[in-house]
Amino acid sequence: NPDLENLLRKQNEFYLKTTKKIEKISEEFKHKPADINIFLKGTSFAA
């Protein structure tokens, strides 16, 4: 469904921009944010 695909692309744009914002805020605290673990990523992808 092209409308659903467009909606998801907009959502993903928000998530990617927010990722960058969190990285920038984290830098102010000299902190590298913890990412999702590889196991969770793999099981989610498979599911």
ModelCIF file with pLDDT and N, C-alpha, C, O atoms, coordinates in Angstrom:
data_MODEL
#
_entry.id   MODEL 
#
_entity.id                         1 
_entity.type                       polymer 
_entity.pdbx_number_of_molecules   1 
#
_entity_poly.entity_id                      1 
_entity_poly.type                           'polypeptide(L)' 
_entity_poly.nstd_linkage                   no 
_entity_poly.nstd_monomer                   no 
_entity_poly.pdbx_seq_one_letter_code       NPDLENLLRKQNEFYLKTTKKIEKISEEFKHKPADINIFLKGTSFAA 
_entity_poly.pdbx_seq_one_letter_code_can   NPDLENLLRKQNEFYLKTTKKIEKISEEFKHKPADINIFLKGTSFAA 
_entity_poly.pdbx_strand_id                 A 
#
loop_
_entity_poly_seq.entity_id 
_entity_poly_seq.num 
_entity_poly_seq.mon_id 
_entity_poly_seq.hetero 
1 1  ASN n 
1 2  PRO n 
1 3  ASP n 
1 4  LEU n 
1 5  GLU n 
1 6  ASN n 
1 7  LEU n 
1 8  LEU n 
1 9  ARG n 
1 10 LYS n 
1 11 GLN n 
1 12 ASN n 
1 13 GLU n 
1 14 PHE n 
1 15 TYR n 
1 16 LEU n 
1 17 LYS n 
1 18 THR n 
1 19 THR n 
1 20 LYS n 
1 21 LYS n 
1 22 ILE n 
1 23 GLU n 
1 24 LYS n 
1 25 ILE n 
1 26 SER n 
1 27 GLU n 
1 28 GLU n 
1 29 PHE n 
1 30 LYS n 
1 31 HIS n 
1 32 LYS n 
1 33 PRO n 
1 34 ALA n 
1 35 ASP n 
1 36 ILE n 
1 37 ASN n 
1 38 ILE n 
1 39 PHE n 
1 40 LEU n 
1 41 LYS n 
1 42 GLY n 
1 43 THR n 
1 44 SER n 
1 45 PHE n 
1 46 ALA n 
1 47 ALA n 
#
_struct_asym.id          A 
_struct_asym.entity_id   1 
#
loop_
_ma_qa_metric.id 
_ma_qa_metric.mode 
_ma_qa_metric.name 
_ma_qa_metric.software_group_id 
_ma_qa_metric.type 
1 global pLDDT . pLDDT 
2 local  pLDDT . pLDDT 
#
_ma_qa_metric_global.metric_id      1 
_ma_qa_metric_global.metric_value   85.38 
_ma_qa_metric_global.model_id       1 
_ma_qa_metric_global.ordinal_id     1 
#
loop_
_ma_qa_metric_local.label_asym_id 
_ma_qa_metric_local.label_comp_id 
_ma_qa_metric_local.label_seq_id 
_ma_qa_metric_local.metric_id 
_ma_qa_metric_local.metric_value 
_ma_qa_metric_local.model_id 
_ma_qa_metric_local.ordinal_id 
A ASN 1  2 95.00 1 1  
A PRO 2  2 96.00 1 2  
A ASP 3  2 97.00 1 3  
A LEU 4  2 96.00 1 4  
A GLU 5  2 96.00 1 5  
A ASN 6  2 97.00 1 6  
A LEU 7  2 97.00 1 7  
A LEU 8  2 96.00 1 8  
A ARG 9  2 97.00 1 9  
A LYS 10 2 97.00 1 10 
A GLN 11 2 97.00 1 11 
A ASN 12 2 97.00 1 12 
A GLU 13 2 98.00 1 13 
A PHE 14 2 98.00 1 14 
A TYR 15 2 98.00 1 15 
A LEU 16 2 97.00 1 16 
A LYS 17 2 98.00 1 17 
A THR 18 2 98.00 1 18 
A THR 19 2 97.00 1 19 
A LYS 20 2 98.00 1 20 
A LYS 21 2 98.00 1 21 
A ILE 22 2 98.00 1 22 
A GLU 23 2 97.00 1 23 
A LYS 24 2 97.00 1 24 
A ILE 25 2 97.00 1 25 
A SER 26 2 96.00 1 26 
A GLU 27 2 96.00 1 27 
A GLU 28 2 94.00 1 28 
A PHE 29 2 93.00 1 29 
A LYS 30 2 95.00 1 30 
A HIS 31 2 95.00 1 31 
A LYS 32 2 95.00 1 32 
A PRO 33 2 93.00 1 33 
A ALA 34 2 87.00 1 34 
A ASP 35 2 83.00 1 35 
A ILE 36 2 71.00 1 36 
A ASN 37 2 63.00 1 37 
A ILE 38 2 59.00 1 38 
A PHE 39 2 50.00 1 39 
A LEU 40 2 53.00 1 40 
A LYS 41 2 50.00 1 41 
A GLY 42 2 50.00 1 42 
A THR 43 2 56.00 1 43 
A SER 44 2 54.00 1 44 
A PHE 45 2 48.00 1 45 
A ALA 46 2 48.00 1 46 
A ALA 47 2 57.00 1 47 
#
loop_
_atom_site.group_PDB 
_atom_site.id 
_atom_site.type_symbol 
_atom_site.label_atom_id 
_atom_site.label_alt_id 
_atom_site.label_comp_id 
_atom_site.label_asym_id 
_atom_site.label_entity_id 
_atom_site.label_seq_id 
_atom_site.pdbx_PDB_ins_code 
_atom_site.Cartn_x 
_atom_site.Cartn_y 
_atom_site.Cartn_z 
_atom_site.occupancy 
_atom_site.B_iso_or_equiv 
_atom_site.pdbx_formal_charge 
_atom_site.auth_seq_id 
_atom_site.auth_comp_id 
_atom_site.auth_asym_id 
_atom_site.auth_atom_id 
_atom_site.pdbx_PDB_model_num 
ATOM 1   N N  . ASN A 1 1  ? 0.849  -1.187  0.000  1.00 95.00 ? 1  ASN A N  1 
ATOM 2   C CA . ASN A 1 1  ? 0.000  0.000   0.000  1.00 95.00 ? 1  ASN A CA 1 
ATOM 3   C C  . ASN A 1 1  ? 0.893  1.248   0.000  1.00 95.00 ? 1  ASN A C  1 
ATOM 4   O O  . ASN A 1 1  ? 1.622  1.477   0.965  1.00 95.00 ? 1  ASN A O  1 
ATOM 5   N N  . PRO A 1 2  ? 0.848  2.058   -1.066 1.00 96.00 ? 2  PRO A N  1 
ATOM 6   C CA . PRO A 1 2  ? 1.746  3.223   -1.150 1.00 96.00 ? 2  PRO A CA 1 
ATOM 7   C C  . PRO A 1 2  ? 1.506  4.252   -0.042 1.00 96.00 ? 2  PRO A C  1 
ATOM 8   O O  . PRO A 1 2  ? 2.446  4.915   0.397  1.00 96.00 ? 2  PRO A O  1 
ATOM 9   N N  . ASP A 1 3  ? 0.265  4.389   0.410  1.00 97.00 ? 3  ASP A N  1 
ATOM 10  C CA . ASP A 1 3  ? -0.018 5.350   1.480  1.00 97.00 ? 3  ASP A CA 1 
ATOM 11  C C  . ASP A 1 3  ? 0.629  4.904   2.799  1.00 97.00 ? 3  ASP A C  1 
ATOM 12  O O  . ASP A 1 3  ? 1.175  5.723   3.538  1.00 97.00 ? 3  ASP A O  1 
ATOM 13  N N  . LEU A 1 4  ? 0.561  3.615   3.080  1.00 96.00 ? 4  LEU A N  1 
ATOM 14  C CA . LEU A 1 4  ? 1.198  3.089   4.284  1.00 96.00 ? 4  LEU A CA 1 
ATOM 15  C C  . LEU A 1 4  ? 2.715  3.216   4.166  1.00 96.00 ? 4  LEU A C  1 
ATOM 16  O O  . LEU A 1 4  ? 3.388  3.565   5.135  1.00 96.00 ? 4  LEU A O  1 
ATOM 17  N N  . GLU A 1 5  ? 3.237  2.941   3.008  1.00 96.00 ? 5  GLU A N  1 
ATOM 18  C CA . GLU A 1 5  ? 4.687  3.066   2.803  1.00 96.00 ? 5  GLU A CA 1 
ATOM 19  C C  . GLU A 1 5  ? 5.131  4.515   3.022  1.00 96.00 ? 5  GLU A C  1 
ATOM 20  O O  . GLU A 1 5  ? 6.150  4.755   3.669  1.00 96.00 ? 5  GLU A O  1 
ATOM 21  N N  . ASN A 1 6  ? 4.379  5.476   2.490  1.00 97.00 ? 6  ASN A N  1 
ATOM 22  C CA . ASN A 1 6  ? 4.717  6.892   2.682  1.00 97.00 ? 6  ASN A CA 1 
ATOM 23  C C  . ASN A 1 6  ? 4.669  7.283   4.158  1.00 97.00 ? 6  ASN A C  1 
ATOM 24  O O  . ASN A 1 6  ? 5.533  8.013   4.644  1.00 97.00 ? 6  ASN A O  1 
ATOM 25  N N  . LEU A 1 7  ? 3.664  6.795   4.859  1.00 97.00 ? 7  LEU A N  1 
ATOM 26  C CA . LEU A 1 7  ? 3.553  7.080   6.284  1.00 97.00 ? 7  LEU A CA 1 
ATOM 27  C C  . LEU A 1 7  ? 4.783  6.543   7.031  1.00 97.00 ? 7  LEU A C  1 
ATOM 28  O O  . LEU A 1 7  ? 5.351  7.227   7.881  1.00 97.00 ? 7  LEU A O  1 
ATOM 29  N N  . LEU A 1 8  ? 5.179  5.324   6.704  1.00 96.00 ? 8  LEU A N  1 
ATOM 30  C CA . LEU A 1 8  ? 6.336  4.729   7.375  1.00 96.00 ? 8  LEU A CA 1 
ATOM 31  C C  . LEU A 1 8  ? 7.621  5.470   7.048  1.00 96.00 ? 8  LEU A C  1 
ATOM 32  O O  . LEU A 1 8  ? 8.497  5.603   7.902  1.00 96.00 ? 8  LEU A O  1 
ATOM 33  N N  . ARG A 1 9  ? 7.736  5.944   5.839  1.00 97.00 ? 9  ARG A N  1 
ATOM 34  C CA . ARG A 1 9  ? 8.931  6.722   5.474  1.00 97.00 ? 9  ARG A CA 1 
ATOM 35  C C  . ARG A 1 9  ? 8.995  8.022   6.285  1.00 97.00 ? 9  ARG A C  1 
ATOM 36  O O  . ARG A 1 9  ? 10.074 8.434   6.711  1.00 97.00 ? 9  ARG A O  1 
ATOM 37  N N  . LYS A 1 10 ? 7.853  8.662   6.496  1.00 97.00 ? 10 LYS A N  1 
ATOM 38  C CA . LYS A 1 10 ? 7.802  9.875   7.333  1.00 97.00 ? 10 LYS A CA 1 
ATOM 39  C C  . LYS A 1 10 ? 8.144  9.536   8.783  1.00 97.00 ? 10 LYS A C  1 
ATOM 40  O O  . LYS A 1 10 ? 8.884  10.269  9.440  1.00 97.00 ? 10 LYS A O  1 
ATOM 41  N N  . GLN A 1 11 ? 7.604  8.425   9.277  1.00 97.00 ? 11 GLN A N  1 
ATOM 42  C CA . GLN A 1 11 ? 7.915  8.004   10.641 1.00 97.00 ? 11 GLN A CA 1 
ATOM 43  C C  . GLN A 1 11 ? 9.409  7.745   10.780 1.00 97.00 ? 11 GLN A C  1 
ATOM 44  O O  . GLN A 1 11 ? 10.041 8.181   11.742 1.00 97.00 ? 11 GLN A O  1 
ATOM 45  N N  . ASN A 1 12 ? 9.958  7.038   9.816  1.00 97.00 ? 12 ASN A N  1 
ATOM 46  C CA . ASN A 1 12 ? 11.377 6.702   9.888  1.00 97.00 ? 12 ASN A CA 1 
ATOM 47  C C  . ASN A 1 12 ? 12.237 7.961   9.835  1.00 97.00 ? 12 ASN A C  1 
ATOM 48  O O  . ASN A 1 12 ? 13.282 8.029   10.483 1.00 97.00 ? 12 ASN A O  1 
ATOM 49  N N  . GLU A 1 13 ? 11.808 8.941   9.079  1.00 98.00 ? 13 GLU A N  1 
ATOM 50  C CA . GLU A 1 13 ? 12.520 10.217  9.022  1.00 98.00 ? 13 GLU A CA 1 
ATOM 51  C C  . GLU A 1 13 ? 12.563 10.850  10.421 1.00 98.00 ? 13 GLU A C  1 
ATOM 52  O O  . GLU A 1 13 ? 13.596 11.361  10.853 1.00 98.00 ? 13 GLU A O  1 
ATOM 53  N N  . PHE A 1 14 ? 11.424 10.803  11.116 1.00 98.00 ? 14 PHE A N  1 
ATOM 54  C CA . PHE A 1 14 ? 11.384 11.319  12.496 1.00 98.00 ? 14 PHE A CA 1 
ATOM 55  C C  . PHE A 1 14 ? 12.375 10.555  13.376 1.00 98.00 ? 14 PHE A C  1 
ATOM 56  O O  . PHE A 1 14 ? 13.141 11.159  14.126 1.00 98.00 ? 14 PHE A O  1 
ATOM 57  N N  . TYR A 1 15 ? 12.357 9.223   13.279 1.00 98.00 ? 15 TYR A N  1 
ATOM 58  C CA . TYR A 1 15 ? 13.245 8.417   14.119 1.00 98.00 ? 15 TYR A CA 1 
ATOM 59  C C  . TYR A 1 15 ? 14.710 8.696   13.819 1.00 98.00 ? 15 TYR A C  1 
ATOM 60  O O  . TYR A 1 15 ? 15.520 8.785   14.742 1.00 98.00 ? 15 TYR A O  1 
ATOM 61  N N  . LEU A 1 16 ? 15.062 8.834   12.560 1.00 97.00 ? 16 LEU A N  1 
ATOM 62  C CA . LEU A 1 16 ? 16.460 9.087   12.198 1.00 97.00 ? 16 LEU A CA 1 
ATOM 63  C C  . LEU A 1 16 ? 16.916 10.472  12.680 1.00 97.00 ? 16 LEU A C  1 
ATOM 64  O O  . LEU A 1 16 ? 18.033 10.620  13.176 1.00 97.00 ? 16 LEU A O  1 
ATOM 65  N N  . LYS A 1 17 ? 16.055 11.477  12.535 1.00 98.00 ? 17 LYS A N  1 
ATOM 66  C CA . LYS A 1 17 ? 16.387 12.820  13.041 1.00 98.00 ? 17 LYS A CA 1 
ATOM 67  C C  . LYS A 1 17 ? 16.521 12.810  14.557 1.00 98.00 ? 17 LYS A C  1 
ATOM 68  O O  . LYS A 1 17 ? 17.410 13.452  15.115 1.00 98.00 ? 17 LYS A O  1 
ATOM 69  N N  . THR A 1 18 ? 15.637 12.080  15.213 1.00 98.00 ? 18 THR A N  1 
ATOM 70  C CA . THR A 1 18 ? 15.674 12.016  16.670 1.00 98.00 ? 18 THR A CA 1 
ATOM 71  C C  . THR A 1 18 ? 16.921 11.282  17.153 1.00 98.00 ? 18 THR A C  1 
ATOM 72  O O  . THR A 1 18 ? 17.491 11.634  18.186 1.00 98.00 ? 18 THR A O  1 
ATOM 73  N N  . THR A 1 19 ? 17.342 10.267  16.410 1.00 97.00 ? 19 THR A N  1 
ATOM 74  C CA . THR A 1 19 ? 18.585 9.570   16.732 1.00 97.00 ? 19 THR A CA 1 
ATOM 75  C C  . THR A 1 19 ? 19.741 10.559  16.763 1.00 97.00 ? 19 THR A C  1 
ATOM 76  O O  . THR A 1 19 ? 20.546 10.549  17.695 1.00 97.00 ? 19 THR A O  1 
ATOM 77  N N  . LYS A 1 20 ? 19.826 11.407  15.756 1.00 98.00 ? 20 LYS A N  1 
ATOM 78  C CA . LYS A 1 20 ? 20.901 12.409  15.682 1.00 98.00 ? 20 LYS A CA 1 
ATOM 79  C C  . LYS A 1 20 ? 20.805 13.403  16.840 1.00 98.00 ? 20 LYS A C  1 
ATOM 80  O O  . LYS A 1 20 ? 21.823 13.788  17.416 1.00 98.00 ? 20 LYS A O  1 
ATOM 81  N N  . LYS A 1 21 ? 19.589 13.815  17.177 1.00 98.00 ? 21 LYS A N  1 
ATOM 82  C CA . LYS A 1 21 ? 19.409 14.758  18.287 1.00 98.00 ? 21 LYS A CA 1 
ATOM 83  C C  . LYS A 1 21 ? 19.872 14.134  19.607 1.00 98.00 ? 21 LYS A C  1 
ATOM 84  O O  . LYS A 1 21 ? 20.529 14.792  20.413 1.00 98.00 ? 21 LYS A O  1 
ATOM 85  N N  . ILE A 1 22 ? 19.528 12.866  19.820 1.00 98.00 ? 22 ILE A N  1 
ATOM 86  C CA . ILE A 1 22 ? 19.941 12.194  21.053 1.00 98.00 ? 22 ILE A CA 1 
ATOM 87  C C  . ILE A 1 22 ? 21.460 12.062  21.101 1.00 98.00 ? 22 ILE A C  1 
ATOM 88  O O  . ILE A 1 22 ? 22.070 12.242  22.155 1.00 98.00 ? 22 ILE A O  1 
ATOM 89  N N  . GLU A 1 23 ? 22.063 11.752  19.970 1.00 97.00 ? 23 GLU A N  1 
ATOM 90  C CA . GLU A 1 23 ? 23.531 11.665  19.923 1.00 97.00 ? 23 GLU A CA 1 
ATOM 91  C C  . GLU A 1 23 ? 24.156 13.015  20.271 1.00 97.00 ? 23 GLU A C  1 
ATOM 92  O O  . GLU A 1 23 ? 25.157 13.070  20.985 1.00 97.00 ? 23 GLU A O  1 
ATOM 93  N N  . LYS A 1 24 ? 23.574 14.089  19.776 1.00 97.00 ? 24 LYS A N  1 
ATOM 94  C CA . LYS A 1 24 ? 24.100 15.430  20.047 1.00 97.00 ? 24 LYS A CA 1 
ATOM 95  C C  . LYS A 1 24 ? 23.940 15.786  21.532 1.00 97.00 ? 24 LYS A C  1 
ATOM 96  O O  . LYS A 1 24 ? 24.872 16.301  22.150 1.00 97.00 ? 24 LYS A O  1 
ATOM 97  N N  . ILE A 1 25 ? 22.776 15.517  22.094 1.00 97.00 ? 25 ILE A N  1 
ATOM 98  C CA . ILE A 1 25 ? 22.564 15.782  23.523 1.00 97.00 ? 25 ILE A CA 1 
ATOM 99  C C  . ILE A 1 25 ? 23.520 14.942  24.354 1.00 97.00 ? 25 ILE A C  1 
ATOM 100 O O  . ILE A 1 25 ? 24.088 15.424  25.334 1.00 97.00 ? 25 ILE A O  1 
ATOM 101 N N  . SER A 1 26 ? 23.695 13.694  23.964 1.00 96.00 ? 26 SER A N  1 
ATOM 102 C CA . SER A 1 26 ? 24.587 12.789  24.706 1.00 96.00 ? 26 SER A CA 1 
ATOM 103 C C  . SER A 1 26 ? 26.018 13.312  24.711 1.00 96.00 ? 26 SER A C  1 
ATOM 104 O O  . SER A 1 26 ? 26.726 13.169  25.708 1.00 96.00 ? 26 SER A O  1 
ATOM 105 N N  . GLU A 1 27 ? 26.446 13.916  23.609 1.00 96.00 ? 27 GLU A N  1 
ATOM 106 C CA . GLU A 1 27 ? 27.796 14.485  23.524 1.00 96.00 ? 27 GLU A CA 1 
ATOM 107 C C  . GLU A 1 27 ? 28.014 15.545  24.601 1.00 96.00 ? 27 GLU A C  1 
ATOM 108 O O  . GLU A 1 27 ? 29.111 15.673  25.144 1.00 96.00 ? 27 GLU A O  1 
ATOM 109 N N  . GLU A 1 28 ? 26.957 16.306  24.904 1.00 94.00 ? 28 GLU A N  1 
ATOM 110 C CA . GLU A 1 28 ? 27.058 17.340  25.935 1.00 94.00 ? 28 GLU A CA 1 
ATOM 111 C C  . GLU A 1 28 ? 27.425 16.725  27.288 1.00 94.00 ? 28 GLU A C  1 
ATOM 112 O O  . GLU A 1 28 ? 28.032 17.383  28.133 1.00 94.00 ? 28 GLU A O  1 
ATOM 113 N N  . PHE A 1 29 ? 27.053 15.470  27.482 1.00 93.00 ? 29 PHE A N  1 
ATOM 114 C CA . PHE A 1 29 ? 27.344 14.760  28.728 1.00 93.00 ? 29 PHE A CA 1 
ATOM 115 C C  . PHE A 1 29 ? 28.552 13.833  28.586 1.00 93.00 ? 29 PHE A C  1 
ATOM 116 O O  . PHE A 1 29 ? 28.857 13.040  29.476 1.00 93.00 ? 29 PHE A O  1 
ATOM 117 N N  . LYS A 1 30 ? 29.234 13.956  27.437 1.00 95.00 ? 30 LYS A N  1 
ATOM 118 C CA . LYS A 1 30 ? 30.375 13.081  27.134 1.00 95.00 ? 30 LYS A CA 1 
ATOM 119 C C  . LYS A 1 30 ? 29.977 11.612  27.307 1.00 95.00 ? 30 LYS A C  1 
ATOM 120 O O  . LYS A 1 30 ? 30.672 10.813  27.935 1.00 95.00 ? 30 LYS A O  1 
ATOM 121 N N  . HIS A 1 31 ? 28.828 11.306  26.717 1.00 95.00 ? 31 HIS A N  1 
ATOM 122 C CA . HIS A 1 31 ? 28.212 9.985   26.836 1.00 95.00 ? 31 HIS A CA 1 
ATOM 123 C C  . HIS A 1 31 ? 27.889 9.456   25.448 1.00 95.00 ? 31 HIS A C  1 
ATOM 124 O O  . HIS A 1 31 ? 27.402 10.193  24.590 1.00 95.00 ? 31 HIS A O  1 
ATOM 125 N N  . LYS A 1 32 ? 28.156 8.200   25.237 1.00 95.00 ? 32 LYS A N  1 
ATOM 126 C CA . LYS A 1 32 ? 27.764 7.538   23.983 1.00 95.00 ? 32 LYS A CA 1 
ATOM 127 C C  . LYS A 1 32 ? 26.537 6.683   24.307 1.00 95.00 ? 32 LYS A C  1 
ATOM 128 O O  . LYS A 1 32 ? 26.628 5.758   25.114 1.00 95.00 ? 32 LYS A O  1 
ATOM 129 N N  . PRO A 1 33 ? 25.391 6.982   23.686 1.00 93.00 ? 33 PRO A N  1 
ATOM 130 C CA . PRO A 1 33 ? 24.176 6.240   24.046 1.00 93.00 ? 33 PRO A CA 1 
ATOM 131 C C  . PRO A 1 33 ? 24.261 4.762   23.677 1.00 93.00 ? 33 PRO A C  1 
ATOM 132 O O  . PRO A 1 33 ? 24.797 4.392   22.633 1.00 93.00 ? 33 PRO A O  1 
ATOM 133 N N  . ALA A 1 34 ? 23.725 3.940   24.553 1.00 87.00 ? 34 ALA A N  1 
ATOM 134 C CA . ALA A 1 34 ? 23.714 2.489   24.334 1.00 87.00 ? 34 ALA A CA 1 
ATOM 135 C C  . ALA A 1 34 ? 22.700 2.152   23.251 1.00 87.00 ? 34 ALA A C  1 
ATOM 136 O O  . ALA A 1 34 ? 21.569 2.637   23.263 1.00 87.00 ? 34 ALA A O  1 
ATOM 137 N N  . ASP A 1 35 ? 23.124 1.321   22.322 1.00 83.00 ? 35 ASP A N  1 
ATOM 138 C CA . ASP A 1 35 ? 22.269 0.914   21.208 1.00 83.00 ? 35 ASP A CA 1 
ATOM 139 C C  . ASP A 1 35 ? 21.520 -0.371  21.582 1.00 83.00 ? 35 ASP A C  1 
ATOM 140 O O  . ASP A 1 35 ? 21.820 -1.002  22.595 1.00 83.00 ? 35 ASP A O  1 
ATOM 141 N N  . ILE A 1 36 ? 20.550 -0.745  20.756 1.00 71.00 ? 36 ILE A N  1 
ATOM 142 C CA . ILE A 1 36 ? 19.842 -2.005  20.963 1.00 71.00 ? 36 ILE A CA 1 
ATOM 143 C C  . ILE A 1 36 ? 20.835 -3.153  20.803 1.00 71.00 ? 36 ILE A C  1 
ATOM 144 O O  . ILE A 1 36 ? 21.745 -3.087  19.977 1.00 71.00 ? 36 ILE A O  1 
ATOM 145 N N  . ASN A 1 37 ? 20.653 -4.197  21.596 1.00 63.00 ? 37 ASN A N  1 
ATOM 146 C CA . ASN A 1 37 ? 21.626 -5.287  21.517 1.00 63.00 ? 37 ASN A CA 1 
ATOM 147 C C  . ASN A 1 37 ? 21.369 -6.164  20.292 1.00 63.00 ? 37 ASN A C  1 
ATOM 148 O O  . ASN A 1 37 ? 20.256 -6.227  19.771 1.00 63.00 ? 37 ASN A O  1 
ATOM 149 N N  . ILE A 1 38 ? 22.398 -6.816  19.863 1.00 59.00 ? 38 ILE A N  1 
ATOM 150 C CA . ILE A 1 38 ? 22.368 -7.603  18.627 1.00 59.00 ? 38 ILE A CA 1 
ATOM 151 C C  . ILE A 1 38 ? 21.367 -8.756  18.708 1.00 59.00 ? 38 ILE A C  1 
ATOM 152 O O  . ILE A 1 38 ? 20.748 -9.111  17.705 1.00 59.00 ? 38 ILE A O  1 
ATOM 153 N N  . PHE A 1 39 ? 21.206 -9.335  19.888 1.00 50.00 ? 39 PHE A N  1 
ATOM 154 C CA . PHE A 1 39 ? 20.257 -10.438 20.062 1.00 50.00 ? 39 PHE A CA 1 
ATOM 155 C C  . PHE A 1 39 ? 18.828 -9.950  19.824 1.00 50.00 ? 39 PHE A C  1 
ATOM 156 O O  . PHE A 1 39 ? 18.058 -10.589 19.108 1.00 50.00 ? 39 PHE A O  1 
ATOM 157 N N  . LEU A 1 40 ? 18.485 -8.817  20.426 1.00 53.00 ? 40 LEU A N  1 
ATOM 158 C CA . LEU A 1 40 ? 17.142 -8.253  20.249 1.00 53.00 ? 40 LEU A CA 1 
ATOM 159 C C  . LEU A 1 40 ? 16.915 -7.891  18.788 1.00 53.00 ? 40 LEU A C  1 
ATOM 160 O O  . LEU A 1 40 ? 15.830 -8.110  18.248 1.00 53.00 ? 40 LEU A O  1 
ATOM 161 N N  . LYS A 1 41 ? 17.924 -7.346  18.160 1.00 50.00 ? 41 LYS A N  1 
ATOM 162 C CA . LYS A 1 41 ? 17.822 -6.985  16.755 1.00 50.00 ? 41 LYS A CA 1 
ATOM 163 C C  . LYS A 1 41 ? 17.549 -8.234  15.903 1.00 50.00 ? 41 LYS A C  1 
ATOM 164 O O  . LYS A 1 41 ? 16.672 -8.230  15.039 1.00 50.00 ? 41 LYS A O  1 
ATOM 165 N N  . GLY A 1 42 ? 18.304 -9.280  16.159 1.00 50.00 ? 42 GLY A N  1 
ATOM 166 C CA . GLY A 1 42 ? 18.158 -10.513 15.384 1.00 50.00 ? 42 GLY A CA 1 
ATOM 167 C C  . GLY A 1 42 ? 16.815 -11.182 15.585 1.00 50.00 ? 42 GLY A C  1 
ATOM 168 O O  . GLY A 1 42 ? 16.187 -11.614 14.618 1.00 50.00 ? 42 GLY A O  1 
ATOM 169 N N  . THR A 1 43 ? 16.363 -11.274 16.835 1.00 56.00 ? 43 THR A N  1 
ATOM 170 C CA . THR A 1 43 ? 15.080 -11.923 17.093 1.00 56.00 ? 43 THR A CA 1 
ATOM 171 C C  . THR A 1 43 ? 13.924 -11.088 16.540 1.00 56.00 ? 43 THR A C  1 
ATOM 172 O O  . THR A 1 43 ? 12.941 -11.638 16.042 1.00 56.00 ? 43 THR A O  1 
ATOM 173 N N  . SER A 1 44 ? 14.042 -9.778  16.627 1.00 54.00 ? 44 SER A N  1 
ATOM 174 C CA . SER A 1 44 ? 12.991 -8.911  16.079 1.00 54.00 ? 44 SER A CA 1 
ATOM 175 C C  . SER A 1 44 ? 12.923 -9.036  14.567 1.00 54.00 ? 44 SER A C  1 
ATOM 176 O O  . SER A 1 44 ? 11.840 -9.130  13.990 1.00 54.00 ? 44 SER A O  1 
ATOM 177 N N  . PHE A 1 45 ? 14.079 -9.037  13.936 1.00 48.00 ? 45 PHE A N  1 
ATOM 178 C CA . PHE A 1 45 ? 14.140 -9.173  12.479 1.00 48.00 ? 45 PHE A CA 1 
ATOM 179 C C  . PHE A 1 45 ? 13.503 -10.499 12.050 1.00 48.00 ? 45 PHE A C  1 
ATOM 180 O O  . PHE A 1 45 ? 12.702 -10.539 11.115 1.00 48.00 ? 45 PHE A O  1 
ATOM 181 N N  . ALA A 1 46 ? 13.865 -11.573 12.737 1.00 48.00 ? 46 ALA A N  1 
ATOM 182 C CA . ALA A 1 46 ? 13.322 -12.895 12.396 1.00 48.00 ? 46 ALA A CA 1 
ATOM 183 C C  . ALA A 1 46 ? 11.811 -12.927 12.601 1.00 48.00 ? 46 ALA A C  1 
ATOM 184 O O  . ALA A 1 46 ? 11.084 -13.452 11.758 1.00 48.00 ? 46 ALA A O  1 
ATOM 185 N N  . ALA A 1 47 ? 11.336 -12.374 13.703 1.00 57.00 ? 47 ALA A N  1 
ATOM 186 C CA . ALA A 1 47 ? 9.898  -12.369 13.981 1.00 57.00 ? 47 ALA A CA 1 
ATOM 187 C C  . ALA A 1 47 ? 9.140  -11.591 12.917 1.00 57.00 ? 47 ALA A C  1 
ATOM 188 O O  . ALA A 1 47 ? 7.916  -11.481 12.988 1.00 57.00 ? 47 ALA A O  1 
#
